[in-house]
Amino acid sequence: MTEPTLGQRLAAFAADTPADALPDEVVASVRARVLDIIGLCVAAYPLPTSQAALAYVTEQGGRGQASVVGLAERVPAALAAFANGVLAHSLDYDDTHLPSVLHPSASVVPAALAAAELAGASGRETVAAIAVGLEVCVRLGMAGYDRTVGNSVFFEHGQHATSICGTLGGAVAAARLLRLDAGSTLDALGVAASMAAGLIESNRNGGTVKRIHCGWAAHSAVSAALLARHGVTGPPTVLEGRFGFFQAFLRGEFDADEVVRGLDTDWAVPGIFFKPYPANHFTHAAIDAAIALRERGLPIDQIDSITLGVPSPVIRTIGQPIERKRAPQTGYEAQFSGPYAVAAGLCGGGGLGVGLADFTDDLAREPVRRALMAKVEVVPDERCDAIFPNQFPAVLRVVTRDGREWTEAVLANRGGPQRPLSEAELAVKFHHNTAAGLPAQIAAQIEEEVHRLDQAPDVRQLTSLITCERATDAAPVAPSR
């Protein structure tokens, strides 16, 4: 008997795993991620890039099939997935899997919600589809993680693993909700692989294109599933074939065991890290360290020098080119700046310590923060290198004018399994994200619907709430660009 291909094994897992067989912690984790993504979509609505995406969607026309955050009218399912995916990832506040260093929910959840609404799927099936989609996304990301160098091969090639793997994870989630069997799910996977894309040069040198990556991934995911339903097929060797996914993206450097080991028994979903701060995840330990030093009494007006020690591979994202990282021009650029993370933590902020209101264009150019950023050196740290990328640690050393040295090491990220966010903290994040965009009553209803999502007969009760009219008496808290 011929050994099944990697794609066949993933497709069978995605299509055939019984919804009632999901571990309780997986179900709870999926519900929390749906709530997180909806909150992020609401918070990102005011961004010009969000408005551009929504304008693009509305001018396409088409049948009303699925809901978009902030739009009164429903739109075609693939376009709904696109719009919500753009909003979900735009604030760099969405969850992260380590050590693959990808953000699974921002593609998979919007794709699944759109497909579920189109198909009239139950909440239980929606939860199951999101669970298998996240799992497939993470496993493909891990297949491209090189343990010998401690980094993602996708990342080394300048590729955005988040949107690339998210396209395939979203596709199997959508296929399940469209009730495709394992064979057609494999076709959806095969079609999606030809649509996966994303480059991360904008992390280094500007541009807002990264904000649409998860939207395009979600759009491609739903499109691939629909095409498979109509009979478009893909190769069974789409992943490991000579001209397949791993060859095309990773030049054949992949670990097949990461794709299938413990499939259906060892779930990665509950261990995906939630983000407490709306910035690139590489900056979070720097924020925590700066907050800790401020709470210890560090006088910021007496600082002489600041050294931020981080894992060597992250320097190119948050510390290079250093001149630009010390002088971000926008709130969006500040989200990828190690020096700004330190300044934000030292100055104090909202949310769970540093919030959306701390990443505006004005604050990126504010004199006190600019003066602090000018003093920050971003350097490799051996202790951090030994931990990365299982965590994104940081060691912050500050010297004050009186010669004292203040040091704070943060070696485990807040929001991960070692320092999880509580349900109450996740609720604070959600309500903070929706405060400027939704009436409190509607936000509370969304929270209630998500908490019982796996018991809902139809997902449309939830999705109908995300289209409600936005609050008009509160200023946006999101960065203006």
Protein backbone atom coordinates (compact mmCIF):
# COMPACT_ATOMS: atom_id res chain seq x y z
CA MET A 1 0.00 0.00 0.00
CA THR A 2 1.37 3.41 -0.94
CA GLU A 3 2.27 5.64 2.00
CA PRO A 4 -0.04 8.69 2.13
CA THR A 5 1.54 12.00 1.26
CA LEU A 6 1.90 14.80 3.79
CA GLY A 7 -0.96 16.65 2.14
CA GLN A 8 -3.21 13.60 2.31
CA ARG A 9 -2.51 13.18 5.99
CA LEU A 10 -3.25 16.83 6.76
CA ALA A 11 -6.40 16.77 4.65
CA ALA A 12 -7.72 13.67 6.41
CA PHE A 13 -6.97 15.24 9.79
CA ALA A 14 -8.74 18.47 8.83
CA ALA A 15 -11.79 16.83 7.29
CA ASP A 16 -12.30 13.85 9.58
CA THR A 17 -11.40 14.91 13.12
CA PRO A 18 -14.71 14.76 15.05
CA ALA A 19 -15.74 18.08 16.52
CA ASP A 20 -16.68 16.40 19.79
CA ALA A 21 -13.22 14.84 20.05
CA LEU A 22 -11.45 18.16 20.55
CA PRO A 23 -9.80 18.49 23.97
CA ASP A 24 -11.49 21.03 26.25
CA GLU A 25 -8.37 23.20 26.31
CA VAL A 26 -8.38 23.39 22.51
CA VAL A 27 -12.02 24.50 22.44
CA ALA A 28 -11.40 27.12 25.12
CA SER A 29 -8.30 28.35 23.30
CA VAL A 30 -10.17 28.70 20.00
CA ARG A 31 -12.97 30.69 21.65
CA ALA A 32 -10.41 33.04 23.20
CA ARG A 33 -8.72 33.55 19.83
CA VAL A 34 -11.99 34.37 18.10
CA LEU A 35 -12.70 37.02 20.73
CA ASP A 36 -9.17 38.38 20.39
CA ILE A 37 -9.39 38.63 16.59
CA ILE A 38 -12.78 40.36 16.62
CA GLY A 39 -11.47 42.92 19.09
CA LEU A 40 -8.42 43.56 16.93
CA CYS A 41 -10.58 44.01 13.84
CA VAL A 42 -12.69 46.62 15.60
CA ALA A 43 -9.61 48.46 16.87
CA ALA A 44 -7.99 48.48 13.43
CA TYR A 45 -11.05 49.87 11.63
CA PRO A 46 -9.93 53.55 11.70
CA LEU A 47 -6.58 52.90 10.02
CA PRO A 48 -6.20 54.32 6.50
CA THR A 49 -5.07 50.89 5.33
CA SER A 50 -8.23 49.37 6.78
CA GLN A 51 -10.33 51.96 5.02
CA ALA A 52 -8.48 51.23 1.80
CA ALA A 53 -9.21 47.52 2.17
CA LEU A 54 -12.86 48.16 2.94
CA ALA A 55 -13.17 50.54 -0.01
CA TYR A 56 -11.62 47.91 -2.24
CA VAL A 57 -14.06 45.30 -0.99
CA THR A 58 -17.17 47.44 -1.39
CA GLU A 59 -16.29 48.48 -4.94
CA GLN A 60 -16.02 44.84 -6.02
CA GLY A 61 -19.74 44.21 -5.62
CA GLY A 62 -21.08 40.67 -5.62
CA ARG A 63 -23.48 38.56 -3.58
CA GLY A 64 -23.85 39.25 0.12
CA GLN A 65 -22.54 36.10 1.79
CA ALA A 66 -20.54 37.05 4.86
CA SER A 67 -20.04 39.89 7.32
CA VAL A 68 -17.22 42.40 7.68
CA VAL A 69 -16.38 44.36 10.81
CA GLY A 70 -17.82 47.84 10.40
CA LEU A 71 -19.71 47.25 7.14
CA ALA A 72 -23.48 47.19 7.24
CA GLU A 73 -23.85 45.13 4.07
CA ARG A 74 -22.62 41.59 3.64
CA VAL A 75 -20.16 40.87 0.84
CA PRO A 76 -18.87 37.77 -0.99
CA ALA A 77 -17.28 35.34 1.45
CA ALA A 78 -13.75 35.58 0.07
CA LEU A 79 -13.88 39.37 0.22
CA ALA A 80 -15.21 39.28 3.79
CA ALA A 81 -12.29 37.06 4.73
CA PHE A 82 -9.93 39.50 3.05
CA ALA A 83 -11.28 42.55 4.85
CA ASN A 84 -11.38 40.96 8.29
CA GLY A 85 -7.95 39.42 7.74
CA VAL A 86 -6.48 42.83 6.92
CA LEU A 87 -8.00 44.31 10.07
CA ALA A 88 -6.94 41.35 12.24
CA HIS A 89 -3.22 41.68 11.50
CA SER A 90 -2.90 45.43 11.00
CA LEU A 91 -2.07 46.38 14.57
CA ASP A 92 0.54 43.64 15.09
CA TYR A 93 -1.48 42.68 18.14
CA ASP A 94 -2.48 39.18 17.03
CA ASP A 95 -1.24 35.91 18.52
CA THR A 96 2.11 34.25 17.80
CA HIS A 97 3.28 30.65 17.69
CA LEU A 98 6.81 29.90 18.84
CA PRO A 99 9.29 28.86 17.71
CA SER A 100 7.83 29.04 14.17
CA VAL A 101 7.38 32.82 14.62
CA LEU A 102 4.09 33.06 12.78
CA HIS A 103 0.69 34.54 13.64
CA PRO A 104 -1.89 31.85 12.93
CA SER A 105 -5.24 33.31 13.97
CA ALA A 106 -5.24 36.45 11.81
CA SER A 107 -5.63 34.38 8.64
CA VAL A 108 -7.44 31.27 9.88
CA VAL A 109 -10.16 32.90 11.99
CA PRO A 110 -11.35 35.40 9.31
CA ALA A 111 -11.34 32.66 6.67
CA ALA A 112 -13.29 30.30 8.92
CA LEU A 113 -15.88 32.87 10.00
CA ALA A 114 -16.57 33.83 6.38
CA ALA A 115 -16.87 30.22 5.27
CA ALA A 116 -19.03 29.35 8.27
CA GLU A 117 -21.42 32.19 7.55
CA LEU A 118 -21.61 31.20 3.89
CA ALA A 119 -22.29 27.57 4.76
CA GLY A 120 -24.62 28.22 7.70
CA ALA A 121 -22.32 26.14 9.88
CA SER A 122 -22.85 25.57 13.58
CA GLY A 123 -20.65 27.11 16.22
CA ARG A 124 -19.28 23.69 17.12
CA GLU A 125 -18.18 23.03 13.55
CA THR A 126 -16.72 26.53 13.32
CA VAL A 127 -14.63 25.93 16.44
CA ALA A 128 -13.46 22.58 15.06
CA ALA A 129 -12.57 24.12 11.68
CA ILE A 130 -10.56 26.89 13.33
CA ALA A 131 -8.78 24.33 15.52
CA VAL A 132 -7.66 22.15 12.60
CA GLY A 133 -6.79 25.21 10.52
CA LEU A 134 -4.58 26.65 13.26
CA GLU A 135 -2.96 23.25 13.75
CA VAL A 136 -2.16 22.85 10.04
CA CYS A 137 -0.83 26.41 9.87
CA VAL A 138 1.47 25.88 12.84
CA ARG A 139 2.73 22.50 11.66
CA LEU A 140 3.67 23.86 8.25
CA GLY A 141 5.45 26.73 9.94
CA MET A 142 7.34 24.32 12.17
CA ALA A 143 8.36 22.25 9.15
CA GLY A 144 10.27 25.33 8.03
CA TYR A 145 11.94 25.93 11.38
CA ASP A 146 15.62 24.97 11.39
CA ARG A 147 16.58 23.81 14.88
CA THR A 148 20.29 23.83 14.04
CA VAL A 149 20.29 27.60 13.47
CA GLY A 150 17.33 28.38 15.72
CA ASN A 151 15.36 30.30 13.13
CA SER A 152 12.66 29.99 10.51
CA VAL A 153 13.87 29.21 7.00
CA PHE A 154 10.91 31.21 5.71
CA PHE A 155 12.19 34.23 7.61
CA GLU A 156 15.75 33.72 6.36
CA HIS A 157 14.37 33.87 2.80
CA GLY A 158 12.48 37.11 3.47
CA GLN A 159 9.12 35.34 3.42
CA HIS A 160 6.19 36.01 5.71
CA ALA A 161 5.44 32.56 7.12
CA THR A 162 2.30 33.98 8.72
CA SER A 163 0.49 34.62 5.46
CA ILE A 164 2.09 31.75 3.54
CA CYS A 165 1.20 29.04 6.06
CA GLY A 166 -1.98 30.88 7.00
CA THR A 167 -3.28 30.48 3.45
CA LEU A 168 -3.06 26.69 3.74
CA GLY A 169 -4.39 26.56 7.29
CA GLY A 170 -7.28 28.79 6.36
CA ALA A 171 -8.01 26.67 3.29
CA VAL A 172 -8.50 23.44 5.23
CA ALA A 173 -10.65 25.29 7.77
CA ALA A 174 -12.84 26.69 4.99
CA ALA A 175 -12.96 23.31 3.25
CA ARG A 176 -14.24 21.66 6.41
CA LEU A 177 -16.96 24.27 6.83
CA LEU A 178 -18.00 23.79 3.21
CA ARG A 179 -18.32 20.09 4.08
CA LEU A 180 -15.64 18.89 1.66
CA ASP A 181 -14.36 15.36 2.14
CA ALA A 182 -10.67 14.56 2.65
CA GLY A 183 -10.03 14.27 -1.08
CA SER A 184 -11.50 17.67 -1.88
CA THR A 185 -9.80 19.16 1.17
CA LEU A 186 -6.52 17.97 -0.32
CA ASP A 187 -7.49 19.77 -3.51
CA ALA A 188 -8.17 22.95 -1.51
CA LEU A 189 -4.74 22.59 0.07
CA GLY A 190 -3.19 22.11 -3.36
CA VAL A 191 -4.93 25.15 -4.82
CA ALA A 192 -4.08 27.29 -1.79
CA ALA A 193 -0.38 26.48 -2.09
CA SER A 194 -0.33 28.22 -5.46
CA MET A 195 -1.85 31.33 -3.87
CA ALA A 196 0.32 31.63 -0.74
CA ALA A 197 2.53 34.73 -0.60
CA GLY A 198 4.09 37.44 1.56
CA LEU A 199 7.41 39.34 1.79
CA ILE A 200 8.67 41.05 4.95
CA GLU A 201 10.92 43.77 3.55
CA SER A 202 8.47 46.38 4.84
CA ASN A 203 9.45 45.38 8.41
CA ARG A 204 12.86 46.88 7.72
CA ASN A 205 12.28 49.82 5.43
CA GLY A 206 8.67 50.89 5.66
CA GLY A 207 5.46 50.50 3.72
CA THR A 208 2.11 49.18 4.92
CA VAL A 209 1.74 46.20 2.58
CA LYS A 210 2.33 43.74 5.43
CA ARG A 211 -1.05 44.76 6.80
CA ILE A 212 -2.84 43.12 3.90
CA HIS A 213 -0.91 39.82 4.08
CA CYS A 214 -3.33 37.98 6.36
CA GLY A 215 -6.28 39.39 4.46
CA TRP A 216 -4.94 38.04 1.21
CA ALA A 217 -4.19 34.72 2.90
CA ALA A 218 -7.77 34.48 4.20
CA HIS A 219 -9.17 35.50 0.80
CA SER A 220 -7.04 32.88 -0.93
CA ALA A 221 -8.06 30.27 1.64
CA VAL A 222 -11.77 30.73 1.04
CA SER A 223 -11.24 30.98 -2.72
CA ALA A 224 -9.22 27.75 -2.76
CA ALA A 225 -11.92 25.86 -0.85
CA LEU A 226 -14.66 27.17 -3.14
CA LEU A 227 -12.65 26.28 -6.25
CA ALA A 228 -12.07 22.79 -4.88
CA ARG A 229 -15.80 22.47 -4.25
CA HIS A 230 -16.35 23.29 -7.92
CA GLY A 231 -13.88 20.64 -9.03
CA VAL A 232 -10.48 22.33 -9.32
CA THR A 233 -7.85 19.84 -8.20
CA GLY A 234 -4.36 19.97 -6.76
CA PRO A 235 -1.46 17.53 -6.69
CA PRO A 236 -1.37 15.00 -3.82
CA THR A 237 2.34 15.79 -3.43
CA VAL A 238 1.68 19.52 -3.09
CA LEU A 239 3.86 19.77 0.01
CA GLU A 240 6.88 17.48 -0.46
CA GLY A 241 6.89 17.15 -4.26
CA ARG A 242 9.89 18.09 -6.41
CA PHE A 243 8.16 21.32 -7.35
CA GLY A 244 5.91 21.52 -4.31
CA PHE A 245 5.41 23.92 -1.44
CA PHE A 246 8.53 23.08 0.54
CA GLN A 247 10.80 23.19 -2.49
CA ALA A 248 9.36 26.47 -3.69
CA PHE A 249 9.45 28.29 -0.36
CA LEU A 250 12.18 26.50 1.58
CA ARG A 251 14.40 25.16 -1.22
CA GLY A 252 13.71 21.69 0.06
CA GLU A 253 14.90 22.44 3.62
CA PHE A 254 12.04 21.12 5.74
CA ASP A 255 11.26 18.67 8.53
CA ALA A 256 8.44 16.35 7.47
CA ASP A 257 8.15 14.94 10.99
CA GLU A 258 7.00 18.33 12.26
CA VAL A 259 4.00 18.08 9.94
CA VAL A 260 2.65 14.75 11.13
CA ARG A 261 4.17 13.87 14.51
CA GLY A 262 1.39 13.58 17.08
CA LEU A 263 -1.21 14.72 14.56
CA ASP A 264 -4.66 14.44 16.17
CA THR A 265 -3.21 13.86 19.65
CA ASP A 266 -0.65 16.61 20.38
CA TRP A 267 -2.36 19.94 19.81
CA ALA A 268 -0.25 23.07 19.40
CA VAL A 269 -3.26 25.41 19.57
CA PRO A 270 -3.40 26.01 23.35
CA GLY A 271 0.29 26.94 23.41
CA ILE A 272 0.03 29.78 20.88
CA PHE A 273 1.06 33.02 22.59
CA PHE A 274 -1.42 35.87 23.02
CA LYS A 275 0.01 39.36 22.65
CA PRO A 276 -0.38 41.75 25.58
CA TYR A 277 1.04 44.69 23.59
CA PRO A 278 0.20 46.03 20.10
CA ALA A 279 3.68 45.75 18.63
CA ASN A 280 5.98 43.29 16.91
CA HIS A 281 6.39 40.36 19.29
CA PHE A 282 10.17 40.74 19.29
CA THR A 283 9.72 43.99 21.25
CA HIS A 284 7.52 42.65 24.06
CA ALA A 285 10.20 41.57 26.50
CA ALA A 286 11.83 44.99 26.07
CA ILE A 287 8.53 46.61 27.04
CA ASP A 288 8.22 44.34 30.08
CA ALA A 289 11.79 45.06 31.15
CA ALA A 290 11.31 48.81 30.79
CA ILE A 291 8.05 48.71 32.77
CA ALA A 292 9.81 46.75 35.51
CA LEU A 293 12.64 49.28 35.73
CA ARG A 294 10.16 52.16 35.87
CA GLU A 295 8.30 50.42 38.68
CA ARG A 296 11.61 49.95 40.50
CA GLY A 297 12.07 53.72 40.48
CA LEU A 298 14.42 54.31 37.55
CA PRO A 299 14.58 58.11 37.03
CA ILE A 300 14.11 58.47 33.26
CA ASP A 301 15.33 62.10 33.30
CA GLN A 302 18.69 60.89 34.65
CA ILE A 303 19.40 58.18 32.04
CA ASP A 304 22.82 58.32 30.42
CA SER A 305 22.76 55.18 28.24
CA ILE A 306 20.51 52.22 27.44
CA THR A 307 21.54 48.82 26.10
CA LEU A 308 18.87 46.44 24.88
CA GLY A 309 20.18 42.88 24.60
CA VAL A 310 18.10 40.61 22.39
CA PRO A 311 18.50 37.43 20.35
CA SER A 312 20.79 38.04 17.38
CA PRO A 313 18.22 37.15 14.66
CA VAL A 314 15.68 39.75 15.81
CA ILE A 315 18.04 42.71 15.53
CA ARG A 316 17.40 43.14 11.83
CA THR A 317 13.68 43.55 12.57
CA ILE A 318 13.73 45.81 15.64
CA GLY A 319 17.24 47.27 15.61
CA GLN A 320 18.25 47.84 11.98
CA PRO A 321 18.80 50.24 10.45
CA ILE A 322 19.38 51.72 13.90
CA GLU A 323 19.00 55.32 12.74
CA ARG A 324 15.49 54.57 11.53
CA LYS A 325 14.59 52.50 14.58
CA ARG A 326 15.61 55.41 16.83
CA ALA A 327 13.47 57.84 14.85
CA PRO A 328 10.27 56.14 13.65
CA GLN A 329 8.14 58.49 11.60
CA THR A 330 4.81 56.82 12.31
CA GLY A 331 3.10 54.79 14.97
CA TYR A 332 3.29 51.81 12.64
CA GLU A 333 7.07 52.06 12.32
CA ALA A 334 7.28 52.40 16.11
CA GLN A 335 5.68 48.96 16.43
CA PHE A 336 8.84 47.47 14.89
CA SER A 337 11.34 49.53 16.89
CA GLY A 338 13.28 48.16 19.86
CA PRO A 339 14.25 51.66 20.97
CA TYR A 340 10.63 52.79 20.89
CA ALA A 341 9.54 49.72 22.88
CA VAL A 342 11.96 50.72 25.63
CA ALA A 343 10.76 54.33 25.56
CA ALA A 344 7.10 53.28 25.68
CA GLY A 345 7.69 50.99 28.63
CA LEU A 346 9.67 53.63 30.50
CA CYS A 347 7.04 56.32 29.92
CA GLY A 348 4.11 54.08 30.82
CA GLY A 349 0.94 53.46 28.93
CA GLY A 350 -2.54 51.99 28.78
CA GLY A 351 -4.16 48.62 28.18
CA LEU A 352 -2.20 45.82 29.82
CA GLY A 353 0.83 48.11 30.33
CA VAL A 354 1.37 49.59 26.89
CA GLY A 355 -1.65 49.94 24.64
CA LEU A 356 -2.89 51.15 21.30
CA ALA A 357 -2.85 54.79 22.36
CA ASP A 358 0.92 54.51 22.89
CA PHE A 359 1.60 53.87 19.19
CA THR A 360 0.50 57.04 17.44
CA ASP A 361 2.37 59.13 14.91
CA ASP A 362 2.61 61.99 17.40
CA LEU A 363 4.10 59.85 20.15
CA ALA A 364 6.59 58.32 17.72
CA ARG A 365 7.97 61.84 17.26
CA GLU A 366 7.43 63.09 20.81
CA PRO A 367 10.63 64.77 22.15
CA VAL A 368 10.98 62.84 25.43
CA ARG A 369 10.61 59.50 23.66
CA ARG A 370 12.91 60.57 20.85
CA ALA A 371 15.55 61.54 23.42
CA LEU A 372 15.24 58.14 25.11
CA MET A 373 15.37 56.28 21.78
CA ALA A 374 18.55 58.13 20.82
CA LYS A 375 20.27 56.55 23.84
CA VAL A 376 19.31 52.94 22.99
CA GLU A 377 21.79 50.48 21.53
CA VAL A 378 20.33 47.17 20.32
CA VAL A 379 22.89 44.39 20.72
CA PRO A 380 23.01 40.58 20.63
CA ASP A 381 22.85 38.83 23.98
CA GLU A 382 24.18 35.31 24.47
CA ARG A 383 21.63 34.38 27.11
CA CYS A 384 18.83 35.50 24.80
CA ASP A 385 20.34 33.61 21.88
CA ALA A 386 20.24 30.41 23.92
CA ILE A 387 16.49 30.80 24.53
CA PHE A 388 15.30 32.16 21.17
CA PRO A 389 12.98 31.36 19.42
CA ASN A 390 11.17 29.37 22.09
CA GLN A 391 10.81 32.76 23.75
CA PHE A 392 11.64 36.29 22.59
CA PRO A 393 13.69 37.39 25.63
CA ALA A 394 15.44 40.67 26.39
CA VAL A 395 17.97 42.01 28.87
CA LEU A 396 17.75 45.75 29.48
CA ARG A 397 20.68 47.61 31.01
CA VAL A 398 20.40 51.28 31.88
CA VAL A 399 23.17 53.51 33.26
CA THR A 400 22.15 56.73 35.00
CA ARG A 401 24.23 59.87 35.32
CA ASP A 402 25.26 58.99 38.86
CA GLY A 403 26.97 55.84 37.54
CA ARG A 404 24.37 53.35 38.77
CA GLU A 405 23.50 50.43 36.49
CA TRP A 406 19.93 49.16 36.38
CA THR A 407 19.35 45.73 34.84
CA GLU A 408 16.20 43.76 34.12
CA ALA A 409 16.08 40.40 32.32
CA VAL A 410 12.80 39.12 30.87
CA LEU A 411 13.39 35.59 29.65
CA ALA A 412 9.79 34.37 29.14
CA ASN A 413 7.13 36.26 27.26
CA ARG A 414 3.95 37.42 28.90
CA GLY A 415 0.99 35.79 27.14
CA GLY A 416 2.68 32.41 26.60
CA PRO A 417 2.31 29.15 28.54
CA GLN A 418 4.88 30.20 31.17
CA ARG A 419 3.19 33.57 31.80
CA PRO A 420 -0.34 33.18 30.44
CA LEU A 421 -2.85 35.99 30.21
CA SER A 422 -5.85 35.24 32.36
CA GLU A 423 -9.39 35.25 31.00
CA ALA A 424 -9.86 38.56 32.79
CA GLU A 425 -6.78 40.05 31.13
CA LEU A 426 -7.94 38.86 27.71
CA ALA A 427 -11.29 40.52 28.43
CA VAL A 428 -9.50 43.76 29.33
CA LYS A 429 -7.66 43.59 26.01
CA PHE A 430 -10.89 42.93 24.09
CA HIS A 431 -12.84 45.75 25.71
CA HIS A 432 -9.92 48.14 25.36
CA ASN A 433 -9.76 47.29 21.67
CA THR A 434 -13.49 47.79 21.13
CA ALA A 435 -14.01 50.84 23.39
CA ALA A 436 -13.64 53.39 20.61
CA GLY A 437 -15.43 51.37 17.97
CA LEU A 438 -18.45 49.63 19.48
CA PRO A 439 -21.09 50.51 22.06
CA ALA A 440 -20.28 48.72 25.31
CA GLN A 441 -23.53 46.76 25.12
CA ILE A 442 -22.65 45.31 21.72
CA ALA A 443 -19.12 44.45 22.87
CA ALA A 444 -20.59 42.62 25.85
CA GLN A 445 -22.97 40.71 23.57
CA ILE A 446 -20.08 39.67 21.33
CA GLU A 447 -18.17 38.43 24.36
CA GLU A 448 -21.17 36.38 25.48
CA GLU A 449 -21.70 34.89 22.01
CA VAL A 450 -18.03 33.90 21.73
CA HIS A 451 -18.04 32.27 25.16
CA ARG A 452 -20.83 29.94 24.03
CA LEU A 453 -19.72 29.65 20.42
CA ASP A 454 -19.23 25.89 20.54
CA GLN A 455 -22.88 25.54 21.62
CA ALA A 456 -24.38 27.92 19.03
CA PRO A 457 -26.62 26.36 16.35
CA ASP A 458 -25.48 28.98 13.83
CA VAL A 459 -22.48 31.29 13.71
CA ARG A 460 -24.55 34.10 12.19
CA GLN A 461 -25.78 35.30 15.59
CA LEU A 462 -22.17 36.25 16.31
CA THR A 463 -21.24 37.58 12.89
CA SER A 464 -24.33 39.79 12.77
CA LEU A 465 -22.99 41.71 15.77
CA ILE A 466 -19.69 42.68 14.16
CA THR A 467 -21.45 44.73 11.48
CA CYS A 468 -23.29 46.95 13.93
CA GLU A 469 -22.92 50.72 13.74
CA ARG A 470 -19.75 51.95 15.36
CA ALA A 471 -19.70 54.31 18.30
CA THR A 472 -19.43 57.90 17.09
CA ASP A 473 -18.50 59.71 20.30
CA ALA A 474 -15.08 58.16 20.89
CA ALA A 475 -11.81 58.97 19.16
CA PRO A 476 -9.90 56.16 17.48
CA VAL A 477 -7.14 54.73 19.63
CA ALA A 478 -5.26 53.05 16.80
CA PRO A 479 -2.19 54.48 15.06
CA SER A 480 -3.12 56.81 12.23
CA ARG A 481 -1.01 55.00 9.68
